[in-house]
N, C-alpha and C. Protein backbone atom coordinates (compact mmCIF):
# COMPACT_ATOMS: atom_id res chain seq x y z
N UNK A 1 145.77 -65.43 -76.25
CA UNK A 1 145.43 -65.09 -74.88
C UNK A 1 145.66 -63.61 -74.61
N UNK A 2 146.82 -63.10 -75.10
CA UNK A 2 147.14 -61.70 -74.88
C UNK A 2 146.07 -60.80 -75.48
N UNK A 3 145.53 -61.17 -76.63
CA UNK A 3 144.47 -60.38 -77.25
C UNK A 3 143.21 -60.37 -76.41
N UNK A 4 142.92 -61.46 -75.73
CA UNK A 4 141.70 -61.53 -74.91
C UNK A 4 141.76 -60.57 -73.73
N UNK A 5 142.95 -60.27 -73.24
CA UNK A 5 143.08 -59.36 -72.10
C UNK A 5 142.53 -57.98 -72.46
N UNK A 6 142.84 -57.51 -73.65
CA UNK A 6 142.41 -56.18 -74.07
C UNK A 6 141.13 -56.21 -74.91
N UNK A 7 140.59 -57.40 -75.18
CA UNK A 7 139.40 -57.50 -76.00
C UNK A 7 138.26 -56.73 -75.33
N UNK A 8 137.75 -55.67 -75.99
CA UNK A 8 136.74 -54.82 -75.36
C UNK A 8 135.33 -55.37 -75.46
N UNK A 9 135.16 -56.44 -76.20
CA UNK A 9 133.81 -56.96 -76.45
C UNK A 9 133.29 -56.39 -77.75
N UNK A 10 132.34 -57.07 -78.34
CA UNK A 10 131.74 -56.61 -79.60
C UNK A 10 130.26 -56.37 -79.33
N UNK A 11 129.98 -55.18 -78.82
CA UNK A 11 128.63 -54.86 -78.37
C UNK A 11 128.05 -53.71 -79.19
N UNK A 12 126.74 -53.55 -79.17
CA UNK A 12 126.13 -52.37 -79.78
C UNK A 12 126.58 -51.10 -79.04
N UNK A 13 126.44 -49.96 -79.70
CA UNK A 13 126.88 -48.70 -79.10
C UNK A 13 126.21 -48.42 -77.76
N UNK A 14 124.97 -48.81 -77.62
CA UNK A 14 124.27 -48.57 -76.34
C UNK A 14 124.93 -49.35 -75.20
N UNK A 15 125.39 -50.56 -75.47
CA UNK A 15 126.05 -51.36 -74.44
C UNK A 15 127.44 -50.78 -74.14
N UNK A 16 128.15 -50.33 -75.20
CA UNK A 16 129.44 -49.69 -74.98
C UNK A 16 129.28 -48.45 -74.10
N UNK A 17 128.23 -47.68 -74.32
CA UNK A 17 127.97 -46.49 -73.50
C UNK A 17 127.63 -46.89 -72.07
N UNK A 18 126.84 -47.94 -71.91
CA UNK A 18 126.49 -48.42 -70.57
C UNK A 18 127.73 -48.92 -69.83
N UNK A 19 128.62 -49.61 -70.53
CA UNK A 19 129.86 -50.08 -69.91
C UNK A 19 130.74 -48.90 -69.49
N UNK A 20 130.78 -47.86 -70.32
CA UNK A 20 131.53 -46.65 -69.96
C UNK A 20 130.97 -46.04 -68.68
N UNK A 21 129.67 -45.88 -68.62
CA UNK A 21 129.03 -45.28 -67.44
C UNK A 21 129.30 -46.15 -66.21
N UNK A 22 129.18 -47.46 -66.36
CA UNK A 22 129.44 -48.37 -65.24
C UNK A 22 130.89 -48.26 -64.78
N UNK A 23 131.82 -48.24 -65.72
CA UNK A 23 133.25 -48.12 -65.36
C UNK A 23 133.53 -46.80 -64.67
N UNK A 24 133.00 -45.70 -65.21
CA UNK A 24 133.24 -44.39 -64.60
C UNK A 24 132.66 -44.31 -63.19
N UNK A 25 131.44 -44.79 -63.03
CA UNK A 25 130.79 -44.72 -61.72
C UNK A 25 131.49 -45.63 -60.71
N UNK A 26 131.68 -46.89 -61.06
CA UNK A 26 132.30 -47.83 -60.12
C UNK A 26 133.72 -47.40 -59.77
N UNK A 27 134.46 -46.94 -60.77
CA UNK A 27 135.83 -46.49 -60.52
C UNK A 27 135.88 -45.25 -59.65
N UNK A 28 135.06 -44.26 -59.96
CA UNK A 28 135.06 -43.01 -59.19
C UNK A 28 134.56 -43.23 -57.77
N UNK A 29 133.50 -44.01 -57.62
CA UNK A 29 132.99 -44.28 -56.27
C UNK A 29 134.03 -45.03 -55.44
N UNK A 30 134.72 -45.98 -56.06
CA UNK A 30 135.72 -46.74 -55.31
C UNK A 30 136.92 -45.86 -54.96
N UNK A 31 137.24 -44.91 -55.82
CA UNK A 31 138.34 -43.98 -55.49
C UNK A 31 138.07 -43.22 -54.21
N UNK A 32 136.82 -42.91 -53.94
CA UNK A 32 136.51 -42.19 -52.70
C UNK A 32 136.83 -43.06 -51.48
N UNK A 33 136.70 -44.37 -51.62
CA UNK A 33 137.07 -45.28 -50.52
C UNK A 33 138.59 -45.42 -50.42
N UNK A 34 139.25 -45.43 -51.57
CA UNK A 34 140.69 -45.64 -51.59
C UNK A 34 141.51 -44.42 -51.21
N UNK A 35 140.96 -43.21 -51.38
CA UNK A 35 141.73 -41.99 -51.11
C UNK A 35 142.16 -41.89 -49.65
N UNK A 36 141.25 -42.17 -48.74
CA UNK A 36 141.59 -42.13 -47.32
C UNK A 36 142.62 -43.19 -46.95
N UNK A 37 142.49 -44.36 -47.55
CA UNK A 37 143.44 -45.44 -47.28
C UNK A 37 144.82 -45.10 -47.86
N UNK A 38 144.83 -44.44 -49.02
CA UNK A 38 146.08 -43.99 -49.63
C UNK A 38 146.80 -43.03 -48.68
N UNK A 39 146.06 -42.08 -48.12
CA UNK A 39 146.64 -41.12 -47.17
C UNK A 39 147.16 -41.83 -45.93
N UNK A 40 146.42 -42.83 -45.47
CA UNK A 40 146.83 -43.60 -44.30
C UNK A 40 148.12 -44.37 -44.59
N UNK A 41 148.21 -44.94 -45.80
CA UNK A 41 149.39 -45.73 -46.17
C UNK A 41 150.65 -44.88 -46.20
N UNK A 42 150.55 -43.67 -46.73
CA UNK A 42 151.72 -42.82 -46.89
C UNK A 42 151.81 -41.72 -45.83
N UNK A 43 150.96 -41.78 -44.82
CA UNK A 43 150.97 -40.79 -43.74
C UNK A 43 152.01 -41.12 -42.68
N UNK A 44 152.11 -40.25 -41.69
CA UNK A 44 153.08 -40.40 -40.62
C UNK A 44 152.56 -41.24 -39.44
N UNK A 45 151.26 -41.41 -39.38
CA UNK A 45 150.65 -42.16 -38.28
C UNK A 45 150.95 -43.66 -38.42
N UNK A 46 151.02 -44.37 -37.29
CA UNK A 46 151.18 -45.83 -37.39
C UNK A 46 149.96 -46.45 -38.09
N UNK A 47 150.22 -47.49 -38.85
CA UNK A 47 149.14 -48.12 -39.63
C UNK A 47 148.34 -49.06 -38.76
N UNK A 48 147.06 -48.74 -38.63
CA UNK A 48 146.09 -49.60 -37.95
C UNK A 48 145.06 -49.98 -39.00
N UNK A 49 145.13 -51.20 -39.47
CA UNK A 49 144.24 -51.64 -40.55
C UNK A 49 143.92 -53.11 -40.34
N UNK A 50 142.75 -53.51 -40.78
CA UNK A 50 142.33 -54.91 -40.65
C UNK A 50 143.31 -55.82 -41.38
N UNK A 51 143.54 -56.99 -40.82
CA UNK A 51 144.42 -57.99 -41.42
C UNK A 51 143.66 -59.31 -41.52
N UNK A 52 142.65 -59.35 -42.40
CA UNK A 52 141.76 -60.52 -42.43
C UNK A 52 142.41 -61.80 -42.96
N UNK A 53 143.50 -61.68 -43.71
CA UNK A 53 144.10 -62.87 -44.31
C UNK A 53 145.44 -63.24 -43.67
N UNK A 54 145.82 -62.50 -42.60
CA UNK A 54 147.07 -62.81 -41.91
C UNK A 54 148.32 -62.38 -42.66
N UNK A 55 148.21 -61.37 -43.50
CA UNK A 55 149.35 -60.88 -44.27
C UNK A 55 150.09 -59.74 -43.57
N UNK A 56 149.53 -59.24 -42.50
CA UNK A 56 150.07 -58.07 -41.82
C UNK A 56 149.27 -56.84 -42.22
N UNK A 57 149.15 -55.91 -41.29
CA UNK A 57 148.34 -54.72 -41.54
C UNK A 57 148.92 -53.87 -42.68
N UNK A 58 150.24 -53.74 -42.72
CA UNK A 58 150.87 -52.92 -43.77
C UNK A 58 150.60 -53.48 -45.17
N UNK A 59 150.82 -54.77 -45.34
CA UNK A 59 150.60 -55.38 -46.66
C UNK A 59 149.12 -55.40 -47.02
N UNK A 60 148.26 -55.66 -46.04
CA UNK A 60 146.82 -55.64 -46.30
C UNK A 60 146.37 -54.26 -46.78
N UNK A 61 146.88 -53.22 -46.12
CA UNK A 61 146.53 -51.85 -46.54
C UNK A 61 147.11 -51.55 -47.91
N UNK A 62 148.36 -51.95 -48.17
CA UNK A 62 148.98 -51.69 -49.47
C UNK A 62 148.22 -52.37 -50.60
N UNK A 63 147.80 -53.62 -50.39
CA UNK A 63 147.03 -54.33 -51.42
C UNK A 63 145.67 -53.68 -51.64
N UNK A 64 145.06 -53.22 -50.56
CA UNK A 64 143.77 -52.55 -50.67
C UNK A 64 143.91 -51.23 -51.42
N UNK A 65 144.96 -50.47 -51.13
CA UNK A 65 145.21 -49.21 -51.84
C UNK A 65 145.49 -49.48 -53.31
N UNK A 66 146.28 -50.52 -53.59
CA UNK A 66 146.56 -50.89 -54.98
C UNK A 66 145.26 -51.11 -55.75
N UNK A 67 144.36 -51.89 -55.16
CA UNK A 67 143.13 -52.19 -55.88
C UNK A 67 142.19 -51.00 -55.92
N UNK A 68 141.97 -50.35 -54.77
CA UNK A 68 140.96 -49.29 -54.71
C UNK A 68 141.40 -48.00 -55.40
N UNK A 69 142.70 -47.77 -55.54
CA UNK A 69 143.17 -46.54 -56.20
C UNK A 69 143.67 -46.85 -57.61
N UNK A 70 144.73 -47.63 -57.72
CA UNK A 70 145.34 -47.86 -59.03
C UNK A 70 144.40 -48.62 -59.98
N UNK A 71 143.84 -49.72 -59.50
CA UNK A 71 142.94 -50.51 -60.36
C UNK A 71 141.67 -49.73 -60.71
N UNK A 72 141.20 -48.89 -59.78
CA UNK A 72 140.04 -48.05 -60.08
C UNK A 72 140.35 -47.06 -61.20
N UNK A 73 141.53 -46.47 -61.17
CA UNK A 73 141.93 -45.55 -62.24
C UNK A 73 142.02 -46.29 -63.58
N UNK A 74 142.58 -47.49 -63.56
CA UNK A 74 142.66 -48.28 -64.79
C UNK A 74 141.27 -48.57 -65.34
N UNK A 75 140.33 -48.89 -64.46
CA UNK A 75 138.97 -49.18 -64.90
C UNK A 75 138.31 -47.92 -65.46
N UNK A 76 138.52 -46.79 -64.83
CA UNK A 76 137.95 -45.53 -65.33
C UNK A 76 138.43 -45.27 -66.76
N UNK A 77 139.72 -45.45 -67.00
CA UNK A 77 140.27 -45.18 -68.33
C UNK A 77 140.08 -46.35 -69.29
N UNK A 78 139.67 -47.49 -68.77
CA UNK A 78 139.46 -48.65 -69.64
C UNK A 78 140.76 -49.25 -70.11
N UNK A 79 141.75 -49.32 -69.24
CA UNK A 79 143.05 -49.89 -69.58
C UNK A 79 143.27 -51.16 -68.76
N UNK A 80 143.53 -52.27 -69.44
CA UNK A 80 143.67 -53.57 -68.79
C UNK A 80 142.48 -53.82 -67.86
N UNK A 81 141.32 -53.52 -68.37
CA UNK A 81 140.09 -53.49 -67.57
C UNK A 81 139.77 -54.84 -66.94
N UNK A 82 139.84 -55.89 -67.74
CA UNK A 82 139.52 -57.22 -67.21
C UNK A 82 140.47 -57.60 -66.06
N UNK A 83 141.76 -57.35 -66.26
CA UNK A 83 142.74 -57.67 -65.22
C UNK A 83 142.57 -56.77 -64.00
N UNK A 84 142.28 -55.50 -64.24
CA UNK A 84 142.12 -54.55 -63.14
C UNK A 84 140.90 -54.85 -62.28
N UNK A 85 139.90 -55.46 -62.86
CA UNK A 85 138.69 -55.78 -62.10
C UNK A 85 138.93 -56.92 -61.10
N UNK A 86 139.90 -57.77 -61.36
CA UNK A 86 140.13 -58.94 -60.51
C UNK A 86 140.58 -58.55 -59.10
N UNK A 87 141.60 -57.68 -58.92
CA UNK A 87 141.95 -57.29 -57.54
C UNK A 87 140.80 -56.59 -56.82
N UNK A 88 140.03 -55.80 -57.54
CA UNK A 88 138.88 -55.14 -56.93
C UNK A 88 137.82 -56.15 -56.52
N UNK A 89 137.57 -57.13 -57.34
CA UNK A 89 136.62 -58.20 -57.01
C UNK A 89 137.07 -58.93 -55.75
N UNK A 90 138.35 -59.27 -55.68
CA UNK A 90 138.89 -59.99 -54.51
C UNK A 90 138.79 -59.11 -53.26
N UNK A 91 139.18 -57.84 -53.39
CA UNK A 91 139.14 -56.93 -52.24
C UNK A 91 137.72 -56.79 -51.71
N UNK A 92 136.76 -56.64 -52.60
CA UNK A 92 135.37 -56.48 -52.17
C UNK A 92 134.81 -57.78 -51.60
N UNK A 93 135.20 -58.93 -52.15
CA UNK A 93 134.75 -60.21 -51.60
C UNK A 93 135.31 -60.42 -50.20
N UNK A 94 136.58 -60.07 -49.99
CA UNK A 94 137.18 -60.18 -48.66
C UNK A 94 136.48 -59.23 -47.70
N UNK A 95 136.21 -58.00 -48.14
CA UNK A 95 135.52 -57.03 -47.28
C UNK A 95 134.13 -57.54 -46.89
N UNK A 96 133.40 -58.07 -47.86
CA UNK A 96 132.03 -58.51 -47.60
C UNK A 96 131.97 -59.77 -46.76
N UNK A 97 132.78 -60.76 -47.12
CA UNK A 97 132.59 -62.09 -46.54
C UNK A 97 133.62 -62.49 -45.49
N UNK A 98 134.65 -61.66 -45.28
CA UNK A 98 135.64 -61.95 -44.24
C UNK A 98 135.64 -60.83 -43.20
N UNK A 99 135.92 -59.61 -43.65
CA UNK A 99 136.01 -58.47 -42.72
C UNK A 99 134.67 -58.21 -42.05
N UNK A 100 133.60 -58.20 -42.82
CA UNK A 100 132.27 -57.89 -42.28
C UNK A 100 131.41 -59.15 -42.10
N UNK A 101 132.04 -60.30 -41.99
CA UNK A 101 131.29 -61.57 -41.88
C UNK A 101 130.32 -61.57 -40.71
N UNK A 102 130.72 -61.03 -39.58
CA UNK A 102 129.86 -61.07 -38.41
C UNK A 102 129.03 -59.81 -38.20
N UNK A 103 129.09 -58.89 -39.15
CA UNK A 103 128.43 -57.59 -38.99
C UNK A 103 127.01 -57.55 -39.53
N UNK A 104 126.56 -58.61 -40.14
CA UNK A 104 125.22 -58.62 -40.71
C UNK A 104 125.20 -58.08 -42.14
N UNK A 105 124.08 -58.31 -42.78
CA UNK A 105 123.94 -57.99 -44.20
C UNK A 105 124.09 -56.49 -44.49
N UNK A 106 123.70 -55.64 -43.56
CA UNK A 106 123.79 -54.20 -43.77
C UNK A 106 125.20 -53.74 -44.07
N UNK A 107 126.21 -54.35 -43.44
CA UNK A 107 127.61 -53.99 -43.68
C UNK A 107 128.19 -54.77 -44.86
N UNK A 108 127.58 -55.89 -45.20
CA UNK A 108 128.08 -56.71 -46.30
C UNK A 108 127.52 -56.30 -47.65
N UNK A 109 126.42 -55.62 -47.63
CA UNK A 109 125.70 -55.32 -48.86
C UNK A 109 126.52 -54.50 -49.87
N UNK A 110 127.12 -53.40 -49.43
CA UNK A 110 127.85 -52.53 -50.36
C UNK A 110 129.07 -53.23 -50.97
N UNK A 111 129.96 -53.85 -50.17
CA UNK A 111 131.08 -54.53 -50.82
C UNK A 111 130.63 -55.72 -51.69
N UNK A 112 129.54 -56.39 -51.32
CA UNK A 112 129.03 -57.48 -52.15
C UNK A 112 128.53 -56.94 -53.49
N UNK A 113 127.85 -55.79 -53.46
CA UNK A 113 127.37 -55.17 -54.69
C UNK A 113 128.54 -54.76 -55.59
N UNK A 114 129.57 -54.16 -54.98
CA UNK A 114 130.77 -53.81 -55.75
C UNK A 114 131.39 -55.07 -56.36
N UNK A 115 131.44 -56.17 -55.60
CA UNK A 115 132.02 -57.41 -56.11
C UNK A 115 131.27 -57.89 -57.35
N UNK A 116 129.96 -57.80 -57.33
CA UNK A 116 129.15 -58.20 -58.49
C UNK A 116 129.46 -57.29 -59.68
N UNK A 117 129.58 -55.99 -59.44
CA UNK A 117 129.89 -55.04 -60.51
C UNK A 117 131.25 -55.38 -61.12
N UNK A 118 132.26 -55.64 -60.28
CA UNK A 118 133.59 -55.93 -60.81
C UNK A 118 133.65 -57.30 -61.49
N UNK A 119 132.85 -58.25 -61.05
CA UNK A 119 132.74 -59.52 -61.76
C UNK A 119 132.18 -59.28 -63.15
N UNK A 120 131.14 -58.47 -63.24
CA UNK A 120 130.54 -58.14 -64.54
C UNK A 120 131.55 -57.47 -65.45
N UNK A 121 132.29 -56.50 -64.93
CA UNK A 121 133.30 -55.79 -65.73
C UNK A 121 134.39 -56.75 -66.19
N UNK A 122 134.82 -57.67 -65.32
CA UNK A 122 135.85 -58.64 -65.69
C UNK A 122 135.38 -59.54 -66.81
N UNK A 123 134.11 -59.91 -66.80
CA UNK A 123 133.57 -60.79 -67.84
C UNK A 123 133.28 -60.02 -69.13
N UNK A 124 132.65 -58.86 -69.02
CA UNK A 124 132.22 -58.11 -70.19
C UNK A 124 133.35 -57.35 -70.87
N UNK A 125 134.34 -56.90 -70.14
CA UNK A 125 135.40 -56.07 -70.70
C UNK A 125 135.00 -54.61 -70.65
N UNK A 126 135.82 -53.77 -71.27
CA UNK A 126 135.68 -52.32 -71.16
C UNK A 126 134.66 -51.73 -72.13
N UNK A 127 134.38 -52.41 -73.22
CA UNK A 127 133.58 -51.80 -74.28
C UNK A 127 134.49 -51.00 -75.20
N UNK A 128 133.90 -50.46 -76.25
CA UNK A 128 134.71 -49.78 -77.28
C UNK A 128 135.16 -48.38 -76.89
N UNK A 129 134.58 -47.80 -75.86
CA UNK A 129 135.00 -46.46 -75.44
C UNK A 129 136.03 -46.64 -74.34
N UNK A 130 137.24 -47.07 -74.75
CA UNK A 130 138.27 -47.42 -73.78
C UNK A 130 139.64 -47.47 -74.44
N UNK A 131 140.66 -47.45 -73.61
CA UNK A 131 142.03 -47.65 -74.09
C UNK A 131 142.19 -49.09 -74.55
N UNK A 132 141.52 -50.02 -73.88
CA UNK A 132 141.58 -51.43 -74.29
C UNK A 132 141.18 -51.60 -75.75
N UNK A 133 140.13 -50.91 -76.16
CA UNK A 133 139.67 -51.02 -77.55
C UNK A 133 140.75 -50.52 -78.50
N UNK A 134 141.35 -49.39 -78.17
CA UNK A 134 142.40 -48.83 -79.00
C UNK A 134 143.58 -49.80 -79.10
N UNK A 135 143.99 -50.38 -77.97
CA UNK A 135 145.10 -51.34 -77.97
C UNK A 135 144.74 -52.61 -78.73
N UNK A 136 143.52 -53.06 -78.57
CA UNK A 136 143.07 -54.27 -79.27
C UNK A 136 143.10 -54.04 -80.78
N UNK A 137 142.62 -52.88 -81.22
CA UNK A 137 142.64 -52.56 -82.65
C UNK A 137 144.07 -52.53 -83.18
N UNK A 138 144.97 -51.94 -82.39
CA UNK A 138 146.37 -51.85 -82.78
C UNK A 138 147.00 -53.24 -82.90
N UNK A 139 146.74 -54.10 -81.91
CA UNK A 139 147.28 -55.46 -81.93
C UNK A 139 146.73 -56.23 -83.13
N UNK A 140 145.45 -56.12 -83.37
CA UNK A 140 144.81 -56.83 -84.47
C UNK A 140 145.37 -56.37 -85.80
N UNK A 141 145.57 -55.07 -85.97
CA UNK A 141 146.13 -54.53 -87.21
C UNK A 141 147.55 -55.03 -87.42
N UNK A 142 148.35 -55.08 -86.36
CA UNK A 142 149.72 -55.57 -86.48
C UNK A 142 149.75 -57.05 -86.86
N UNK A 143 148.84 -57.83 -86.30
CA UNK A 143 148.79 -59.25 -86.62
C UNK A 143 148.38 -59.47 -88.06
N UNK A 144 147.49 -58.63 -88.57
CA UNK A 144 147.07 -58.76 -89.97
C UNK A 144 148.20 -58.42 -90.90
N UNK A 145 149.05 -57.43 -90.55
CA UNK A 145 150.21 -57.05 -91.35
C UNK A 145 151.23 -58.17 -91.41
N UNK A 146 151.45 -58.79 -90.24
CA UNK A 146 152.47 -59.84 -90.15
C UNK A 146 152.03 -61.11 -90.84
N UNK A 147 150.77 -61.31 -91.00
CA UNK A 147 150.26 -62.52 -91.64
C UNK A 147 150.22 -63.68 -90.68
N UNK A 148 149.78 -64.82 -91.18
CA UNK A 148 149.67 -65.99 -90.29
C UNK A 148 151.04 -66.48 -89.86
N UNK A 149 151.10 -66.99 -88.66
CA UNK A 149 152.35 -67.53 -88.12
C UNK A 149 152.48 -68.98 -88.56
N UNK A 150 153.60 -69.28 -89.19
CA UNK A 150 153.86 -70.65 -89.67
C UNK A 150 154.59 -71.40 -88.58
N UNK A 151 154.05 -72.55 -88.21
CA UNK A 151 154.66 -73.39 -87.19
C UNK A 151 155.25 -74.61 -87.88
N UNK A 152 156.58 -74.84 -87.69
CA UNK A 152 157.17 -76.02 -88.35
C UNK A 152 156.58 -77.32 -87.79
N UNK A 153 156.45 -78.30 -88.64
CA UNK A 153 155.88 -79.58 -88.23
C UNK A 153 156.83 -80.42 -87.44
C-alpha cells in the first residue's frame, strides 16, 4: 500500500510530460487562490470566511489554506501527489456544490473543473517527472535488496 502512494504510474514520456504540465498549471493557478487566504489567515484582521460545514470560520479557512497552498506546492513538486490531490478535490467539491450551490453554474464551473483535475491527478499519479517517481524507485530498490519477506506459517 505504501508503494502505491508514491507510484508515479507507468506511462509513455508524452503522458509523463502532460502530467507534469497539468500538475504545474493546476498547482500554480490554485496557489493564486490560496495566497490571499494565507494572508487572511495570518493577518491582523478578524477572520470572516465561509463556514459551509459548520467547523467554524477559522478552521474552515485553515483547512482551505492547507489544501490551496501546501497541497498545491506538493502537487507542483510531485511529492505525495495522490494524497495531496485529495484535500484539493474535497475543497473544490465543497466550493462548487456547497458554497456556491445557489449561485448558478457560472460560479460552480471553475471549482468543479478544478475538482475534476484533482480527481484525475489522484487517480493517475504524478508521472515520472516527480519526487514521487524518485521515492518510488528508491523504495523499490531497497525492497529488491532486502529480498522477499518470509512470513511464518
